[in-house]
N, C-alpha and C. Protein backbone atom coordinates (compact mmCIF):
# COMPACT_ATOMS: atom_id res chain seq x y z
N UNK A 1 138.85 121.21 164.27
CA UNK A 1 138.39 121.53 165.33
C UNK A 1 139.23 120.66 166.64
N UNK A 2 139.20 119.60 166.30
CA UNK A 2 140.19 118.41 166.95
C UNK A 2 141.54 118.61 166.90
N UNK A 3 142.24 120.21 166.29
CA UNK A 3 143.61 119.88 166.42
C UNK A 3 143.62 121.24 167.98
N UNK A 4 142.85 122.13 167.51
CA UNK A 4 142.27 123.79 168.90
C UNK A 4 141.95 122.99 170.12
N UNK A 5 141.51 121.95 169.72
CA UNK A 5 140.90 121.20 171.29
C UNK A 5 142.47 120.55 171.91
N UNK A 6 142.87 120.03 170.70
CA UNK A 6 143.79 119.23 171.02
C UNK A 6 145.11 120.01 171.70
N UNK A 7 145.39 121.26 170.99
CA UNK A 7 146.27 122.26 171.47
C UNK A 7 146.28 122.91 172.51
N UNK A 8 144.54 123.19 172.62
CA UNK A 8 144.16 124.10 173.97
C UNK A 8 144.62 123.69 175.47
N UNK A 9 143.79 121.90 175.42
CA UNK A 9 144.28 120.89 176.25
C UNK A 9 145.78 120.95 176.80
N UNK A 10 146.52 120.38 175.64
CA UNK A 10 147.86 120.60 175.50
C UNK A 10 148.59 122.18 176.78
N UNK A 11 148.02 122.82 176.30
CA UNK A 11 148.53 124.05 176.67
C UNK A 11 148.04 124.03 178.58
N UNK A 12 147.20 123.62 178.82
CA UNK A 12 146.33 123.87 179.96
C UNK A 12 146.96 122.73 180.40
N UNK A 13 147.45 121.30 179.99
CA UNK A 13 148.05 120.77 180.89
C UNK A 13 149.75 120.70 181.22
N UNK A 14 149.99 122.19 180.40
CA UNK A 14 151.58 122.16 180.81
C UNK A 14 151.60 123.90 182.23
N UNK A 15 150.35 124.37 181.85
CA UNK A 15 149.78 125.41 182.92
C UNK A 15 149.57 124.48 183.84
N UNK A 16 149.46 123.44 184.25
CA UNK A 16 148.22 122.18 185.37
C UNK A 16 149.86 122.02 185.60
N UNK A 17 150.95 121.99 185.32
CA UNK A 17 151.96 121.32 186.14
C UNK A 17 152.38 121.28 187.52
N UNK A 18 152.60 122.49 187.68
CA UNK A 18 152.92 123.01 189.21
C UNK A 18 151.76 123.01 190.37
N UNK A 19 150.18 122.68 189.94
CA UNK A 19 149.55 122.43 190.69
C UNK A 19 149.63 121.08 190.78
N UNK A 20 149.65 120.61 190.08
CA UNK A 20 149.59 118.74 190.18
C UNK A 20 150.68 118.12 191.09
N UNK A 21 151.66 119.09 191.15
CA UNK A 21 153.10 118.52 191.48
C UNK A 21 153.02 118.35 193.18
N UNK A 22 152.18 118.64 193.64
CA UNK A 22 151.65 118.68 195.26
C UNK A 22 150.48 118.22 195.50
N UNK A 23 150.43 116.69 195.89
CA UNK A 23 148.86 116.49 196.13
C UNK A 23 147.64 116.45 197.08
N UNK A 24 148.64 117.38 198.34
CA UNK A 24 148.24 117.80 199.84
C UNK A 24 148.47 119.02 199.62
N UNK A 25 147.83 120.14 198.65
CA UNK A 25 148.43 121.19 198.95
C UNK A 25 147.75 121.89 200.61
N UNK A 26 149.08 122.62 200.93
CA UNK A 26 148.79 123.48 202.34
C UNK A 26 147.41 124.51 202.07
N UNK A 27 147.21 125.13 202.88
CA UNK A 27 145.74 126.22 203.08
C UNK A 27 146.43 127.12 202.17
N UNK A 28 147.51 127.71 202.22
CA UNK A 28 148.71 129.36 201.50
C UNK A 28 148.15 128.98 200.59
N UNK A 29 149.12 126.94 200.21
CA UNK A 29 148.85 126.74 198.68
C UNK A 29 146.97 127.34 197.99
N UNK A 30 146.33 126.90 198.68
CA UNK A 30 145.11 127.14 198.11
C UNK A 30 144.42 128.15 197.85
N UNK A 31 144.91 129.01 198.97
CA UNK A 31 144.84 130.24 199.01
C UNK A 31 145.63 130.99 197.55
N UNK A 32 146.40 130.84 197.57
CA UNK A 32 146.99 130.95 196.67
C UNK A 32 146.38 130.54 195.14
N UNK A 33 146.47 129.75 194.37
CA UNK A 33 145.92 128.98 193.74
C UNK A 33 144.80 129.76 192.98
N UNK A 34 143.42 130.25 194.05
CA UNK A 34 142.73 130.83 193.91
C UNK A 34 142.85 132.15 193.57
N UNK A 35 143.77 132.72 194.34
CA UNK A 35 143.89 134.50 194.51
C UNK A 35 144.80 134.92 192.90
N UNK A 36 145.72 133.76 192.53
CA UNK A 36 145.95 133.97 191.59
C UNK A 36 145.20 133.03 190.00
N UNK A 37 144.15 132.14 189.94
CA UNK A 37 143.19 131.91 189.31
C UNK A 37 142.40 133.57 189.01
N UNK A 38 142.25 133.98 190.20
CA UNK A 38 141.51 135.28 189.99
C UNK A 38 142.04 136.63 189.16
N UNK A 39 143.24 136.41 189.46
CA UNK A 39 144.22 137.46 188.71
C UNK A 39 143.84 138.22 187.62
N UNK A 40 144.54 136.91 186.44
CA UNK A 40 143.55 136.96 185.16
C UNK A 40 142.27 137.54 184.67
N UNK A 41 142.03 136.78 185.58
CA UNK A 41 140.68 136.89 185.18
C UNK A 41 139.54 138.28 185.24
N UNK A 42 140.32 139.59 186.18
CA UNK A 42 139.54 140.36 186.67
C UNK A 42 139.85 141.69 186.21
N UNK A 43 141.36 141.46 185.06
CA UNK A 43 141.60 142.58 184.26
C UNK A 43 140.79 142.43 182.68
N UNK A 44 140.22 143.54 182.09
CA UNK A 44 139.74 143.86 180.75
C UNK A 44 140.95 143.63 180.16
N UNK A 45 142.73 144.26 180.80
CA UNK A 45 143.96 144.31 179.47
C UNK A 45 144.08 142.68 179.82
N UNK A 46 144.21 142.10 180.52
CA UNK A 46 145.00 140.07 180.50
C UNK A 46 143.36 139.55 179.76
N UNK A 47 142.76 139.89 180.24
CA UNK A 47 141.86 138.76 179.40
C UNK A 47 141.65 139.02 177.49
N UNK A 48 141.50 140.54 177.55
CA UNK A 48 141.54 140.29 175.57
C UNK A 48 143.15 140.45 175.24
N UNK A 49 143.99 140.59 175.68
CA UNK A 49 145.68 140.16 175.77
C UNK A 49 145.39 137.88 175.50
N UNK A 50 145.20 137.53 176.16
CA UNK A 50 145.52 136.21 176.21
C UNK A 50 144.45 135.31 175.27
N UNK A 51 142.91 136.45 175.00
CA UNK A 51 142.16 135.72 174.90
C UNK A 51 142.53 136.06 173.06
N UNK A 52 143.73 137.00 172.78
CA UNK A 52 144.18 137.39 171.32
C UNK A 52 145.23 136.66 170.88
N UNK A 53 146.08 135.57 171.94
CA UNK A 53 146.92 134.85 171.92
C UNK A 53 146.22 133.93 171.38
N UNK A 54 145.38 133.38 171.33
CA UNK A 54 144.43 132.49 171.50
C UNK A 54 144.28 132.26 170.41
N UNK A 55 143.52 133.60 169.58
CA UNK A 55 143.18 133.64 168.49
C UNK A 55 144.11 133.41 167.27
N UNK A 56 145.37 134.61 167.29
CA UNK A 56 147.02 134.55 166.65
C UNK A 56 147.08 132.96 166.78
N UNK A 57 147.01 132.60 167.69
CA UNK A 57 147.93 131.19 167.42
C UNK A 57 146.97 130.05 166.48
N UNK A 58 145.93 130.00 166.86
CA UNK A 58 144.91 129.48 165.69
C UNK A 58 144.71 129.47 164.52
N UNK A 59 144.62 131.49 163.71
CA UNK A 59 145.70 131.75 162.78
C UNK A 59 146.84 131.37 162.22
N UNK A 60 147.30 131.41 162.96
CA UNK A 60 148.68 130.40 162.97
C UNK A 60 148.75 129.32 161.51
N UNK A 61 147.91 128.63 162.90
CA UNK A 61 148.10 127.68 162.23
C UNK A 61 149.04 126.18 162.55
N UNK A 62 148.72 124.87 162.44
CA UNK A 62 150.24 124.38 162.65
C UNK A 62 150.61 123.74 163.92
N UNK A 63 151.97 123.75 163.97
CA UNK A 63 152.47 124.01 165.20
C UNK A 63 152.31 124.75 166.83
N UNK A 64 152.20 126.21 165.47
CA UNK A 64 151.52 126.97 166.65
C UNK A 64 150.63 127.36 167.59
N UNK A 65 149.21 126.47 167.56
CA UNK A 65 148.47 126.39 167.81
C UNK A 65 148.56 125.83 169.08
N UNK A 66 150.20 125.11 169.30
CA UNK A 66 150.30 124.45 170.38
C UNK A 66 151.82 125.56 170.90
N UNK A 67 152.53 126.41 170.31
CA UNK A 67 153.64 126.90 170.94
C UNK A 67 153.48 128.14 171.14
N UNK A 68 152.13 129.04 170.95
CA UNK A 68 152.28 130.03 171.11
C UNK A 68 151.56 129.99 172.48
N UNK A 69 150.37 129.25 172.48
CA UNK A 69 149.71 128.90 173.60
C UNK A 69 151.39 129.26 175.04
N UNK A 70 152.04 127.86 174.63
CA UNK A 70 152.32 127.29 175.45
C UNK A 70 153.58 127.82 176.60
N UNK A 71 154.23 128.88 175.21
CA UNK A 71 155.62 129.45 175.38
C UNK A 71 154.85 131.21 176.49
N UNK A 72 153.77 131.49 175.92
CA UNK A 72 153.18 132.40 176.66
C UNK A 72 153.22 132.30 177.88
N UNK A 73 152.73 131.09 178.79
CA UNK A 73 152.25 130.36 179.45
C UNK A 73 153.80 130.40 180.45
N UNK A 74 154.68 129.71 179.77
CA UNK A 74 156.00 129.78 180.48
C UNK A 74 156.78 130.46 180.66
N UNK A 75 157.12 131.74 179.95
CA UNK A 75 157.69 132.60 179.64
C UNK A 75 156.97 133.80 180.62
N UNK A 76 155.12 133.44 181.04
CA UNK A 76 154.61 134.58 182.11
C UNK A 76 155.42 133.83 183.05
N UNK A 77 155.45 133.03 183.55
CA UNK A 77 155.81 132.14 184.43
C UNK A 77 157.26 132.65 184.87
N UNK A 78 157.50 132.74 183.93
CA UNK A 78 158.97 132.94 184.25
C UNK A 78 159.38 134.47 185.19
N UNK A 79 158.35 135.96 184.08
CA UNK A 79 158.24 137.34 184.41
C UNK A 79 157.08 137.22 185.97
N UNK A 80 156.89 136.20 185.93
CA UNK A 80 156.05 136.26 187.58
C UNK A 80 157.39 135.53 188.76
N UNK A 81 158.01 134.83 188.28
CA UNK A 81 159.31 134.57 189.34
C UNK A 81 160.45 135.36 189.45
N UNK A 82 160.25 136.52 188.14
CA UNK A 82 161.30 137.86 188.29
C UNK A 82 160.44 138.60 189.34
N UNK A 83 159.09 138.55 189.34
CA UNK A 83 158.69 139.79 190.36
C UNK A 83 158.69 139.35 191.42
N UNK A 84 158.13 137.79 191.95
CA UNK A 84 158.15 137.41 193.32
C UNK A 84 159.88 137.29 193.56
N UNK A 85 160.42 137.79 193.63
CA UNK A 85 162.24 137.32 193.75
C UNK A 85 162.29 139.19 193.68
N UNK A 86 161.77 140.19 194.04
CA UNK A 86 161.58 141.57 193.91
C UNK A 86 162.42 141.94 192.52
N UNK A 87 162.83 141.17 191.30
CA UNK A 87 163.46 141.78 190.01
C UNK A 87 162.62 142.89 189.31
N UNK A 88 163.15 144.28 189.06
CA UNK A 88 162.00 144.83 188.38
C UNK A 88 161.97 144.96 186.87
N UNK A 89 160.91 145.26 186.73
CA UNK A 89 160.98 144.90 185.16
C UNK A 89 160.48 146.09 184.48
N UNK A 90 160.87 147.17 183.96
CA UNK A 90 160.58 148.23 183.58
C UNK A 90 159.15 148.62 182.64
N UNK A 91 158.20 149.71 183.05
CA UNK A 91 157.19 149.76 182.10
C UNK A 91 156.16 148.30 182.26
N UNK A 92 156.04 148.42 183.45
CA UNK A 92 154.92 146.60 182.94
C UNK A 92 153.53 146.84 182.81
N UNK A 93 153.33 148.02 183.11
CA UNK A 93 151.97 148.47 183.18
C UNK A 93 151.71 149.06 181.23
N UNK A 94 152.21 149.36 180.50
CA UNK A 94 152.45 150.14 179.50
C UNK A 94 152.78 149.14 178.68
N UNK A 95 153.21 147.54 179.16
CA UNK A 95 153.64 147.10 178.29
C UNK A 95 152.39 146.14 177.76
N UNK A 96 151.67 145.76 179.15
CA UNK A 96 150.81 145.03 179.30
C UNK A 96 149.56 145.96 178.10
N UNK A 97 149.00 146.99 178.24
CA UNK A 97 148.25 147.78 177.48
C UNK A 97 149.09 147.43 176.06
N UNK A 98 149.82 147.67 175.86
CA UNK A 98 150.65 147.28 174.19
C UNK A 98 150.58 146.37 173.30
N UNK A 99 150.27 145.32 174.60
CA UNK A 99 150.23 143.94 174.52
C UNK A 99 148.44 144.01 173.90
N UNK A 100 147.62 144.19 174.03
CA UNK A 100 146.52 144.47 174.03
C UNK A 100 145.94 145.03 172.43
N UNK A 101 147.01 146.25 172.46
CA UNK A 101 146.89 146.99 171.16
C UNK A 101 147.13 146.52 169.82
N UNK A 102 148.58 145.77 170.32
CA UNK A 102 149.72 144.77 169.17
C UNK A 102 149.00 143.61 168.75
N UNK A 103 148.49 143.27 169.81
CA UNK A 103 148.20 141.62 169.65
C UNK A 103 146.76 141.76 168.40
N UNK A 104 145.80 142.36 169.26
CA UNK A 104 144.61 142.79 168.75
C UNK A 104 144.83 143.09 167.39
N UNK A 105 145.91 144.04 166.89
CA UNK A 105 146.03 144.83 165.55
C UNK A 105 146.58 142.88 164.46
N UNK A 106 147.57 142.57 165.31
CA UNK A 106 147.89 141.15 164.03
C UNK A 106 146.16 140.59 164.08
N UNK A 107 145.43 140.13 165.49
CA UNK A 107 144.56 139.57 165.10
C UNK A 107 143.57 140.12 163.76
N UNK A 108 143.76 141.36 163.82
CA UNK A 108 143.01 142.37 162.87
C UNK A 108 143.09 142.04 161.15
N UNK A 109 144.30 142.55 161.45
CA UNK A 109 145.07 142.44 160.07
C UNK A 109 145.92 140.73 159.56
N UNK A 110 145.29 140.06 160.49
CA UNK A 110 145.71 138.61 160.20
C UNK A 110 146.78 138.65 159.85
N UNK A 111 147.46 138.23 160.59
CA UNK A 111 149.09 138.79 160.22
C UNK A 111 149.76 137.30 160.30
N UNK A 112 150.54 136.93 159.49
CA UNK A 112 150.96 135.56 159.01
C UNK A 112 152.55 135.54 159.83
N UNK A 113 152.94 135.82 161.19
CA UNK A 113 154.34 135.87 161.36
C UNK A 113 155.07 134.62 161.12
N UNK A 114 156.35 135.06 160.72
CA UNK A 114 156.64 133.11 161.33
C UNK A 114 156.87 132.74 162.61
N UNK A 115 157.03 131.27 162.83
CA UNK A 115 156.69 131.36 164.03
C UNK A 115 157.52 131.83 165.17
N UNK A 116 158.99 131.73 164.55
CA UNK A 116 160.16 132.28 165.58
C UNK A 116 159.98 133.70 165.82
N UNK A 117 159.44 134.44 165.44
CA UNK A 117 159.23 136.01 165.31
C UNK A 117 157.57 135.94 166.46
N UNK A 118 156.67 135.38 165.85
CA UNK A 118 155.40 134.99 166.89
C UNK A 118 155.49 134.35 168.61
N UNK A 119 156.77 133.83 168.08
CA UNK A 119 157.32 133.43 169.86
C UNK A 119 157.85 134.46 170.46
N UNK A 120 158.50 135.27 169.49
CA UNK A 120 159.36 136.32 170.35
C UNK A 120 158.56 137.42 171.01
N UNK A 121 157.63 137.78 170.03
CA UNK A 121 156.16 139.15 170.19
C UNK A 121 155.76 138.70 171.26
N UNK A 122 155.05 136.86 171.72
CA UNK A 122 154.03 136.77 172.29
C UNK A 122 155.37 136.63 173.89
N UNK A 123 156.41 136.28 173.61
CA UNK A 123 157.29 135.80 174.59
C UNK A 123 157.74 137.80 175.81
N UNK A 124 157.26 138.41 174.98
CA UNK A 124 158.20 139.49 175.05
C UNK A 124 156.66 140.16 176.29
N UNK A 125 155.46 140.33 175.69
CA UNK A 125 154.79 140.24 176.48
C UNK A 125 154.21 139.62 177.50
N UNK A 126 154.38 138.15 177.48
CA UNK A 126 154.38 137.02 179.02
C UNK A 126 154.98 137.86 180.01
N UNK A 127 156.43 138.48 179.69
CA UNK A 127 157.10 138.79 180.78
C UNK A 127 156.61 140.10 182.08
N UNK A 128 155.75 140.56 180.62
CA UNK A 128 154.91 142.03 181.33
C UNK A 128 153.80 141.04 182.18
N UNK A 129 152.74 140.46 181.77
CA UNK A 129 151.70 139.82 182.15
C UNK A 129 152.03 139.05 183.48
N UNK A 130 153.31 138.15 183.37
CA UNK A 130 153.59 137.68 184.47
C UNK A 130 154.23 138.24 185.60
N UNK A 131 155.10 139.74 185.26
CA UNK A 131 155.22 140.08 186.52
C UNK A 131 154.37 140.92 187.29
N UNK A 132 153.55 141.67 186.15
CA UNK A 132 151.83 142.07 186.77
C UNK A 132 151.46 141.00 188.29
N UNK A 133 150.97 139.97 187.12
CA UNK A 133 150.39 139.23 188.31
C UNK A 133 151.14 138.68 189.48
N UNK A 134 152.71 138.56 189.55
CA UNK A 134 152.84 138.67 190.95
C UNK A 134 153.00 139.70 191.90
N UNK A 135 153.05 141.06 191.37
CA UNK A 135 152.67 142.33 191.65
C UNK A 135 151.94 142.18 193.06
N UNK A 136 151.39 141.37 192.56
CA UNK A 136 149.56 141.55 193.29
C UNK A 136 149.28 140.07 193.88
N UNK A 137 150.38 139.65 194.11
CA UNK A 137 150.16 138.28 194.70
C UNK A 137 149.66 138.69 196.56
N UNK A 138 148.83 138.10 197.19
CA UNK A 138 148.31 138.23 198.30
C UNK A 138 150.05 138.09 199.59
N UNK A 139 150.09 138.95 200.56
CA UNK A 139 150.88 138.42 201.30
C UNK A 139 150.65 137.18 201.42
N UNK A 140 149.21 136.43 201.96
CA UNK A 140 149.16 135.11 202.64
C UNK A 140 149.72 133.98 201.94
N UNK A 141 149.44 134.51 200.30
CA UNK A 141 149.51 133.27 199.55
C UNK A 141 151.04 132.67 199.48
N UNK A 142 150.64 131.18 198.96
CA UNK A 142 152.40 130.59 198.40
C UNK A 142 152.29 130.54 197.20
N UNK A 143 153.51 131.17 196.66
CA UNK A 143 153.71 131.93 195.51
C UNK A 143 153.13 130.54 194.58
N UNK A 144 153.96 129.32 194.90
CA UNK A 144 153.47 128.11 194.23
C UNK A 144 151.92 128.03 193.39
N UNK A 145 151.34 128.29 194.75
CA UNK A 145 149.96 128.14 194.62
C UNK A 145 149.27 129.15 193.36
N UNK A 146 150.07 130.16 194.24
CA UNK A 146 149.28 131.34 192.95
C UNK A 146 149.74 131.54 191.96
N UNK A 147 151.25 131.06 191.23
CA UNK A 147 151.47 131.04 190.01
C UNK A 147 150.76 129.83 189.12
N UNK A 148 150.03 128.86 190.11
CA UNK A 148 150.24 127.57 189.13
C UNK A 148 148.26 128.11 188.82
N UNK A 149 147.68 129.47 189.68
CA UNK A 149 146.87 129.57 189.63
C UNK A 149 146.62 130.25 188.12
N UNK A 150 147.95 131.95 188.51
CA UNK A 150 146.88 132.60 186.98
C UNK A 150 148.16 131.89 185.62
N UNK A 151 148.71 130.65 185.85
CA UNK A 151 149.42 129.75 184.79
C UNK A 151 147.30 129.11 183.92
N UNK A 152 147.22 128.37 184.95
CA UNK A 152 146.34 127.95 184.57
C UNK A 152 144.77 128.86 184.03
N UNK A 153 144.19 130.05 185.10
CA UNK A 153 143.33 130.63 183.94
C UNK A 153 143.84 131.32 183.16
N UNK A 154 145.57 131.88 182.69
CA UNK A 154 145.41 132.10 181.34
C UNK A 154 145.28 130.73 179.84
N UNK A 155 146.12 129.69 180.91
CA UNK A 155 145.82 129.12 179.38
C UNK A 155 144.45 128.98 178.86
N UNK A 156 143.51 128.94 180.24
CA UNK A 156 141.74 128.76 179.90
C UNK A 156 141.59 129.42 178.66
N UNK A 157 141.89 131.27 178.95
CA UNK A 157 141.72 131.83 178.14
C UNK A 157 142.74 132.16 176.97
N UNK A 158 143.59 130.96 176.80
CA UNK A 158 144.18 130.56 175.67
C UNK A 158 143.13 130.06 175.06
N UNK A 159 142.75 128.75 175.93
CA UNK A 159 141.75 127.87 174.79
C UNK A 159 140.36 128.55 174.33
N UNK A 160 140.27 129.96 175.01
CA UNK A 160 138.84 130.52 174.56
C UNK A 160 139.52 130.95 173.30
N UNK A 161 140.30 131.64 173.22
CA UNK A 161 140.68 132.41 172.18
C UNK A 161 140.47 131.77 170.89
N UNK A 162 141.67 130.27 171.61
CA UNK A 162 141.26 129.10 169.62
C UNK A 162 140.13 128.89 169.60
N UNK A 163 139.47 128.76 170.34
CA UNK A 163 138.06 128.40 170.67
C UNK A 163 137.19 129.54 169.43
N UNK A 164 137.40 130.48 169.70
CA UNK A 164 137.07 131.39 168.76
C UNK A 164 137.52 131.74 167.47
N UNK A 165 138.87 131.15 167.75
CA UNK A 165 139.69 131.34 166.26
C UNK A 165 138.62 130.37 165.20
N UNK A 166 138.47 129.26 166.23
CA UNK A 166 137.66 127.71 165.27
C UNK A 166 136.02 128.12 164.41
N UNK A 167 135.79 128.55 165.52
CA UNK A 167 134.45 129.48 165.25
C UNK A 167 134.03 130.19 164.13
N UNK A 168 134.90 131.46 164.12
CA UNK A 168 135.24 132.22 163.21
C UNK A 168 135.66 131.70 162.09
N UNK A 169 136.51 130.73 162.05
CA UNK A 169 136.71 130.27 160.87
C UNK A 169 135.41 129.26 160.27
N UNK A 170 134.65 128.88 161.33
CA UNK A 170 133.80 128.24 160.59
C UNK A 170 132.83 128.88 160.32
N UNK A 171 132.96 130.34 160.19
CA UNK A 171 131.89 131.54 159.25
C UNK A 171 132.54 131.35 158.65
N UNK A 172 133.19 130.88 157.34
CA UNK A 172 133.12 131.25 156.15
C UNK A 172 134.67 132.29 155.99
N UNK A 173 134.89 132.07 154.69
CA UNK A 173 136.22 133.02 154.56
C UNK A 173 135.49 134.47 155.09
N UNK A 174 134.67 134.98 153.84
CA UNK A 174 134.38 136.33 153.95
C UNK A 174 133.51 136.59 154.86
N UNK A 175 132.60 135.85 155.59
CA UNK A 175 132.03 136.29 156.91
C UNK A 175 133.21 136.11 158.03
N UNK A 176 133.72 135.36 158.35
CA UNK A 176 134.97 135.19 159.13
C UNK A 176 136.08 136.22 159.92
N UNK A 177 136.39 137.12 157.96
CA UNK A 177 137.14 137.99 158.43
C UNK A 177 136.79 139.40 158.84
N UNK A 178 135.35 139.29 158.15
CA UNK A 178 134.75 140.25 159.11
C UNK A 178 134.66 140.03 160.33
N UNK A 179 134.30 139.30 160.67
CA UNK A 179 134.29 138.94 162.46
C UNK A 179 135.99 139.51 163.20
N UNK A 180 136.95 138.40 162.64
CA UNK A 180 138.27 138.93 162.80
C UNK A 180 138.67 140.01 162.67
N UNK A 181 138.39 140.30 161.60
CA UNK A 181 138.63 142.15 162.44
C UNK A 181 138.17 142.87 163.13
N UNK A 182 136.49 142.35 162.90
CA UNK A 182 135.73 143.22 164.46
C UNK A 182 137.05 143.05 165.30
N UNK A 183 136.66 141.64 165.72
CA UNK A 183 137.40 140.85 167.45
C UNK A 183 138.98 142.23 167.55
N UNK A 184 139.39 142.05 166.73
CA UNK A 184 141.36 142.11 166.46
C UNK A 184 140.95 143.60 167.15
N UNK A 185 140.00 144.34 166.07
CA UNK A 185 139.98 146.11 166.25
C UNK A 185 139.24 146.73 167.38
N UNK A 186 138.52 145.63 167.92
CA UNK A 186 137.65 146.58 169.10
C UNK A 186 138.90 146.24 170.42
N UNK A 187 139.76 144.85 170.17
CA UNK A 187 140.49 144.66 171.07
C UNK A 187 141.74 145.92 170.75
N UNK A 188 142.16 146.25 169.79
CA UNK A 188 143.37 147.37 169.39
C UNK A 188 142.48 148.55 170.05
N UNK A 189 141.29 148.82 170.36
CA UNK A 189 140.34 150.10 170.58
C UNK A 189 140.64 150.23 172.02
N UNK A 190 140.45 149.24 172.89
CA UNK A 190 140.53 148.48 173.94
C UNK A 190 141.63 149.13 174.35
N UNK A 191 142.50 148.49 173.69
CA UNK A 191 143.88 148.43 174.25
C UNK A 191 144.35 149.63 174.37
N UNK A 192 144.16 150.79 173.36
CA UNK A 192 144.31 152.27 173.05
C UNK A 192 144.23 153.15 174.14
N UNK A 193 142.85 152.41 174.33
CA UNK A 193 142.17 153.26 175.75
C UNK A 193 142.87 152.92 177.31
N UNK A 194 143.39 151.59 177.40
CA UNK A 194 143.79 151.48 178.61
C UNK A 194 145.11 152.13 178.38
N UNK A 195 146.03 152.06 177.29
CA UNK A 195 146.77 152.84 177.53
C UNK A 195 146.92 154.24 177.84
N UNK A 196 145.95 154.77 177.12
CA UNK A 196 145.54 156.43 177.33
C UNK A 196 144.81 156.69 178.99
N UNK A 197 144.73 155.45 179.59
CA UNK A 197 143.79 155.65 180.70
C UNK A 197 142.65 155.86 180.77
N UNK A 198 141.82 155.91 179.28
CA UNK A 198 140.61 156.32 179.26
C UNK A 198 139.30 155.16 179.47
N UNK A 199 140.31 154.21 179.85
CA UNK A 199 139.94 152.67 179.79
C UNK A 199 140.44 152.47 181.35
């Protein structure tokens, strides 16, 4: 538990760095932060994918509990920067829906991917999520504050996933496996619904 909490806090700290860079944010930055923070929390696709990232990181264990969430947040910021710069990324909505399907399946099947492969998968999906966040940035919001907001919110959802992974682990091997498969399966089914437009 201590390791999971520590990892989650490290990811959160990394995500919050842009927010603490300015001690006296302007009004636009404050508005940007609140809008950015709300965006990942307002969509089922983002919530499910972010929580599954945290559970996946917990399942991998070791350094992955730090590197998987942190990599997602940082690469997501890069995807957001591409969107703010007006650089198009194709198939963003499809990529987000697929992230829910794939991450849910990975969790359900308890896939023990090599760390490099895990980071590659996470990084790919992070670009789509970051670009989608930036595409919906309000015109009156400061980009830095908005980015900091969605990074912090995403990190918190990762922490929730790490905590869920810990709770599943505490349920015992047999019960924990059932809960993991159920949670991952539900996310996968929801992802298919999002992908097909049924949800």
